[in-house]
Amino acid sequence: MRIVSLCPSNTELVAYLGLTDSIVGVDDFSDWPEAVKELEQLGPDLSIDIDKVEALKPDLILSSLSVPGMEKNIQELDRRGLHHICFNPQSLEEIVQDLRTLGQAAGIPERAEEVANAFQRVIDECKEAASGVDISPSLYWEWWPKPVFTPGGINWLTEISRLAGGVNLFESVELASIQTDWADVHSRNPDVICMAWVGVQPRKVNPVILNKRPGWSELDAMKNGKVHVLEEALYCRPSPRLLEGLIKLGRILHPRHYNQIHLPEELHIH
């Protein structure tokens, strides 16, 4: 089978099903597992070169609507009559369903079920750990600094926050993504700041800049040294890698409760 993946999270879904060797082309931002960086590059995920996709003669095209702007890829695939499976998960449960859908399409439903069950075991373990924490700190997730973008209630990071023993600062806003400003975040005074800038390597994110924002040096998170620069690849992509991010976050917030939780063998990609 020849698979083409048009965004990083789709590429990762394929990897968890053990089908990396079947991928023949990926978007420019797919970077995990390492091997995919050697494959045919099809352009940025917001402007895929559909000519290149068609030339690869894929058996299976995996498209996405997980980032605003991807619609034009879908429109062009449809215009050319290129069949594709489109994923757009907003929750952990929907990511599991996408695994099953891909497993069916690739003819390996049993493998997909194994991965789905392992995924659920991690969630159950983290739920149990979260139920035992004394205090659930409020978490401000910074996806982008200016203008400020942060996840709302309809996003997997709200679930991840709860499962790690915290609460998304913007959980009550019924949106997947919220554009707000520094004053709004300041007024909510988060206990913890999680900086995960989309598309930016952690080493390029400097938390010192937070001190330049009006009044931010007085925030509880700042005064208590609760500012964390996190890998956007573990928090901003709707794939099973979110579970690695979840366990990491749980250990940051409540090490005593989460240190004993590990990814099961089915979720280790070798």
Protein backbone atom coordinates (compact mmCIF):
# COMPACT_ATOMS: atom_id res chain seq x y z
CA MET A 1 0.00 0.00 0.00
CA ARG A 2 1.19 3.50 -0.91
CA ILE A 3 0.15 6.11 1.66
CA VAL A 4 0.40 9.90 1.40
CA SER A 5 0.00 11.98 4.57
CA LEU A 6 -0.78 15.69 4.37
CA CYS A 7 -0.09 16.73 7.98
CA PRO A 8 2.12 15.67 10.92
CA SER A 9 -0.65 14.17 13.07
CA ASN A 10 -1.76 11.91 10.21
CA THR A 11 1.82 10.75 9.69
CA GLU A 12 1.98 9.88 13.38
CA LEU A 13 -1.28 7.92 13.26
CA VAL A 14 0.25 5.85 10.45
CA ALA A 15 3.38 5.25 12.53
CA TYR A 16 1.41 3.98 15.53
CA LEU A 17 -0.21 1.38 13.28
CA GLY A 18 3.23 0.19 12.14
CA LEU A 19 2.81 1.44 8.57
CA THR A 20 5.63 3.98 8.30
CA ASP A 21 7.28 1.90 5.57
CA SER A 22 4.15 2.31 3.43
CA ILE A 23 4.32 6.12 3.38
CA VAL A 24 5.58 7.51 0.06
CA GLY A 25 5.05 11.25 0.64
CA VAL A 26 4.44 13.69 3.50
CA ASP A 27 3.89 17.41 4.12
CA ASP A 28 6.99 19.50 4.91
CA PHE A 29 6.26 19.63 8.65
CA SER A 30 5.98 15.88 9.28
CA ASP A 31 9.09 15.11 11.33
CA TRP A 32 8.26 12.00 13.37
CA PRO A 33 9.31 9.26 13.21
CA GLU A 34 12.69 10.43 11.92
CA ALA A 35 12.50 8.21 8.84
CA VAL A 36 9.71 10.27 7.26
CA LYS A 37 12.02 13.25 6.75
CA GLU A 38 13.72 11.28 3.96
CA LEU A 39 10.46 10.89 2.01
CA GLU A 40 9.06 12.99 -0.82
CA GLN A 41 8.12 16.42 0.57
CA LEU A 42 4.77 17.70 -0.68
CA GLY A 43 4.86 21.29 0.60
CA PRO A 44 3.61 22.99 3.79
CA ASP A 45 0.48 21.46 5.32
CA LEU A 46 -1.57 24.57 4.39
CA SER A 47 -0.57 24.51 0.71
CA ILE A 48 0.13 20.98 -0.44
CA ASP A 49 1.37 20.48 -4.00
CA ILE A 50 -1.47 18.29 -5.28
CA ASP A 51 0.41 17.63 -8.55
CA LYS A 52 3.09 15.88 -6.50
CA VAL A 53 0.45 13.93 -4.56
CA GLU A 54 -1.15 12.71 -7.78
CA ALA A 55 2.23 11.78 -9.29
CA LEU A 56 2.94 9.44 -6.36
CA LYS A 57 -0.10 7.32 -7.33
CA PRO A 58 -1.12 6.70 -3.71
CA ASP A 59 -3.58 4.00 -2.66
CA LEU A 60 -4.51 6.02 0.41
CA ILE A 61 -4.42 9.81 0.93
CA LEU A 62 -4.82 11.11 4.47
CA SER A 63 -6.01 14.72 4.55
CA SER A 64 -6.87 16.91 7.53
CA LEU A 65 -8.83 19.89 8.75
CA SER A 66 -7.01 20.16 12.08
CA VAL A 67 -5.54 23.58 11.21
CA PRO A 68 -7.56 26.48 9.73
CA GLY A 69 -6.54 26.97 6.10
CA MET A 70 -6.30 23.28 5.17
CA GLU A 71 -9.66 23.51 3.38
CA LYS A 72 -8.05 24.38 0.04
CA ASN A 73 -6.16 21.07 0.03
CA ILE A 74 -9.46 19.25 0.46
CA GLN A 75 -11.15 21.28 -2.28
CA GLU A 76 -8.36 20.53 -4.76
CA LEU A 77 -8.31 16.81 -3.93
CA ASP A 78 -12.08 16.69 -4.44
CA ARG A 79 -11.88 18.72 -7.66
CA ARG A 80 -9.45 16.18 -9.11
CA GLY A 81 -11.50 13.24 -7.89
CA LEU A 82 -8.70 12.00 -5.60
CA HIS A 83 -10.25 9.89 -2.87
CA HIS A 84 -9.00 10.74 0.62
CA ILE A 85 -9.80 10.18 4.28
CA CYS A 86 -10.13 13.47 6.13
CA PHE A 87 -9.40 13.63 9.87
CA ASN A 88 -10.45 16.53 12.12
CA PRO A 89 -10.41 15.31 15.74
CA GLN A 90 -11.03 17.70 18.64
CA SER A 91 -10.98 15.14 21.45
CA LEU A 92 -8.98 12.13 22.60
CA GLU A 93 -11.93 9.86 21.82
CA GLU A 94 -12.02 11.15 18.24
CA ILE A 95 -8.29 10.46 17.87
CA VAL A 96 -8.95 6.86 18.90
CA GLN A 97 -11.76 6.67 16.33
CA ASP A 98 -9.37 7.98 13.67
CA LEU A 99 -6.94 5.18 14.55
CA ARG A 100 -9.71 2.65 14.02
CA THR A 101 -10.82 4.29 10.75
CA LEU A 102 -7.25 4.20 9.44
CA GLY A 103 -6.83 0.61 10.59
CA GLN A 104 -9.93 -0.42 8.63
CA ALA A 105 -8.81 1.46 5.51
CA ALA A 106 -5.35 -0.12 5.68
CA GLY A 107 -6.70 -3.60 6.31
CA ILE A 108 -5.25 -3.97 9.80
CA PRO A 109 -8.22 -3.44 12.17
CA GLU A 110 -6.72 -5.79 14.79
CA ARG A 111 -3.56 -3.69 15.14
CA ALA A 112 -5.68 -0.54 15.37
CA GLU A 113 -7.73 -2.11 18.16
CA GLU A 114 -4.57 -3.02 20.09
CA VAL A 115 -3.33 0.58 19.88
CA ALA A 116 -6.78 1.96 20.76
CA ASN A 117 -6.96 -0.26 23.84
CA ALA A 118 -3.46 0.77 24.97
CA PHE A 119 -4.45 4.42 24.45
CA GLN A 120 -7.49 3.92 26.70
CA ARG A 121 -5.42 2.22 29.41
CA VAL A 122 -3.18 5.29 29.69
CA ILE A 123 -6.24 7.56 29.94
CA ASP A 124 -7.74 5.35 32.66
CA GLU A 125 -4.49 5.35 34.65
CA CYS A 126 -4.22 9.12 34.41
CA LYS A 127 -7.88 9.56 35.43
CA GLU A 128 -7.16 7.49 38.51
CA ALA A 129 -4.06 9.57 39.31
CA ALA A 130 -5.94 12.85 38.78
CA SER A 131 -8.69 11.75 41.16
CA GLY A 132 -6.10 11.54 43.93
CA VAL A 133 -4.54 15.02 43.67
CA ASP A 134 -5.32 17.58 46.37
CA ILE A 135 -5.26 20.74 44.25
CA SER A 136 -5.81 21.10 40.49
CA PRO A 137 -3.84 24.17 39.34
CA SER A 138 -5.15 26.38 36.53
CA LEU A 139 -3.05 26.10 33.35
CA TYR A 140 -2.63 28.82 30.75
CA TRP A 141 -1.65 27.22 27.44
CA GLU A 142 0.06 29.63 25.08
CA TRP A 143 -0.18 28.45 21.49
CA TRP A 144 0.90 31.78 20.10
CA PRO A 145 2.09 34.98 21.84
CA LYS A 146 0.88 37.86 19.68
CA PRO A 147 -1.95 37.78 18.91
CA VAL A 148 -2.57 35.40 21.78
CA PHE A 149 -4.05 32.04 20.83
CA THR A 150 -4.98 29.50 23.47
CA PRO A 151 -7.13 26.33 23.46
CA GLY A 152 -10.73 26.53 24.68
CA GLY A 153 -13.06 23.93 26.12
CA ILE A 154 -13.57 22.07 22.83
CA ASN A 155 -9.97 20.92 22.49
CA TRP A 156 -7.93 17.92 23.55
CA LEU A 157 -5.73 20.13 25.76
CA THR A 158 -8.69 20.71 28.08
CA GLU A 159 -8.90 16.91 28.48
CA ILE A 160 -5.13 16.61 28.80
CA SER A 161 -5.16 19.30 31.53
CA ARG A 162 -7.81 17.46 33.55
CA LEU A 163 -6.13 14.07 33.10
CA ALA A 164 -2.83 15.58 34.32
CA GLY A 165 -4.48 16.93 37.47
CA GLY A 166 -4.95 20.52 36.29
CA VAL A 167 -7.60 22.74 34.68
CA ASN A 168 -7.35 24.66 31.40
CA LEU A 169 -7.64 28.36 32.29
CA PHE A 170 -10.05 28.83 29.36
CA GLU A 171 -12.00 25.58 29.82
CA SER A 172 -15.34 27.42 30.10
CA VAL A 173 -15.05 29.02 26.64
CA GLU A 174 -16.85 26.74 24.19
CA LEU A 175 -14.37 27.06 21.35
CA ALA A 176 -11.51 24.90 20.08
CA SER A 177 -9.16 27.88 19.73
CA ILE A 178 -9.47 31.33 21.32
CA GLN A 179 -7.88 34.59 20.26
CA THR A 180 -7.48 36.79 23.33
CA ASP A 181 -4.90 39.20 24.76
CA TRP A 182 -2.36 39.55 27.56
CA ALA A 183 -4.73 41.60 29.74
CA ASP A 184 -7.35 38.82 29.68
CA VAL A 185 -4.80 36.19 30.70
CA HIS A 186 -3.50 38.54 33.42
CA SER A 187 -7.00 38.99 34.85
CA ARG A 188 -7.41 35.20 35.14
CA ASN A 189 -4.06 34.85 36.98
CA PRO A 190 -3.05 31.27 36.08
CA ASP A 191 -1.23 29.00 38.54
CA VAL A 192 0.91 27.51 35.75
CA ILE A 193 1.97 28.79 32.30
CA CYS A 194 2.59 26.21 29.56
CA MET A 195 4.28 27.66 26.48
CA ALA A 196 3.85 25.43 23.43
CA TRP A 197 4.09 27.65 20.36
CA VAL A 198 2.77 25.91 17.28
CA GLY A 199 5.52 25.16 14.77
CA VAL A 200 8.29 26.53 17.01
CA GLN A 201 11.05 24.41 18.56
CA PRO A 202 11.17 24.70 22.39
CA ARG A 203 14.77 25.95 22.26
CA LYS A 204 13.53 29.01 20.36
CA VAL A 205 10.93 29.91 23.00
CA ASN A 206 12.36 32.25 25.66
CA PRO A 207 10.12 32.55 28.75
CA VAL A 208 11.99 35.72 29.80
CA ILE A 209 9.79 37.66 27.36
CA LEU A 210 6.82 37.12 29.68
CA ASN A 211 8.31 39.69 32.07
CA LYS A 212 7.84 42.38 29.41
CA ARG A 213 4.06 41.96 29.35
CA PRO A 214 2.20 44.53 31.51
CA GLY A 215 1.68 43.19 35.02
CA TRP A 216 2.73 39.66 34.21
CA SER A 217 5.64 39.62 36.64
CA GLU A 218 2.94 39.72 39.38
CA LEU A 219 1.14 36.60 38.16
CA ASP A 220 1.15 33.67 40.59
CA ALA A 221 2.72 31.41 37.94
CA MET A 222 5.57 33.88 37.43
CA LYS A 223 6.21 34.54 41.13
CA ASN A 224 6.20 30.81 41.91
CA GLY A 225 8.43 29.79 38.99
CA LYS A 226 5.67 27.74 37.37
CA VAL A 227 6.48 28.51 33.75
CA HIS A 228 7.18 25.57 31.44
CA VAL A 229 8.32 25.56 27.81
CA LEU A 230 6.86 22.37 26.34
CA GLU A 231 7.32 20.53 23.04
CA GLU A 232 4.49 21.59 20.77
CA ALA A 233 4.79 18.21 19.02
CA LEU A 234 3.57 16.53 22.23
CA TYR A 235 0.63 18.87 22.85
CA CYS A 236 -0.50 20.56 19.63
CA ARG A 237 -0.93 17.62 17.25
CA PRO A 238 -3.98 15.34 17.48
CA SER A 239 -2.15 12.00 17.54
CA PRO A 240 -1.33 9.38 20.19
CA ARG A 241 1.85 11.34 20.99
CA LEU A 242 -0.43 13.48 23.15
CA LEU A 243 -0.27 10.67 25.70
CA GLU A 244 3.49 11.13 26.03
CA GLY A 245 2.79 14.82 26.65
CA LEU A 246 0.06 13.96 29.14
CA ILE A 247 2.33 11.77 31.26
CA LYS A 248 5.07 14.41 31.13
CA LEU A 249 2.66 17.13 32.25
CA GLY A 250 1.31 14.95 35.05
CA ARG A 251 4.84 14.41 36.33
CA ILE A 252 5.50 18.17 36.24
CA LEU A 253 2.33 19.04 38.16
CA HIS A 254 2.02 16.04 40.51
CA PRO A 255 5.18 13.88 40.34
CA ARG A 256 4.14 11.66 43.25
CA HIS A 257 0.95 10.63 41.46
CA TYR A 258 2.25 10.26 37.90
CA ASN A 259 5.84 8.98 38.15
CA GLN A 260 4.63 5.38 38.06
CA ILE A 261 2.64 5.82 34.83
CA HIS A 262 4.40 4.75 31.63
CA LEU A 263 3.47 4.31 27.98
CA PRO A 264 2.54 0.69 27.23
CA GLU A 265 4.61 -1.27 24.73
CA GLU A 266 1.94 -0.88 22.01
CA LEU A 267 2.58 2.89 22.03
CA HIS A 268 6.36 2.70 21.68
CA ILE A 269 7.54 3.39 18.15
CA HIS A 270 10.91 1.79 17.44
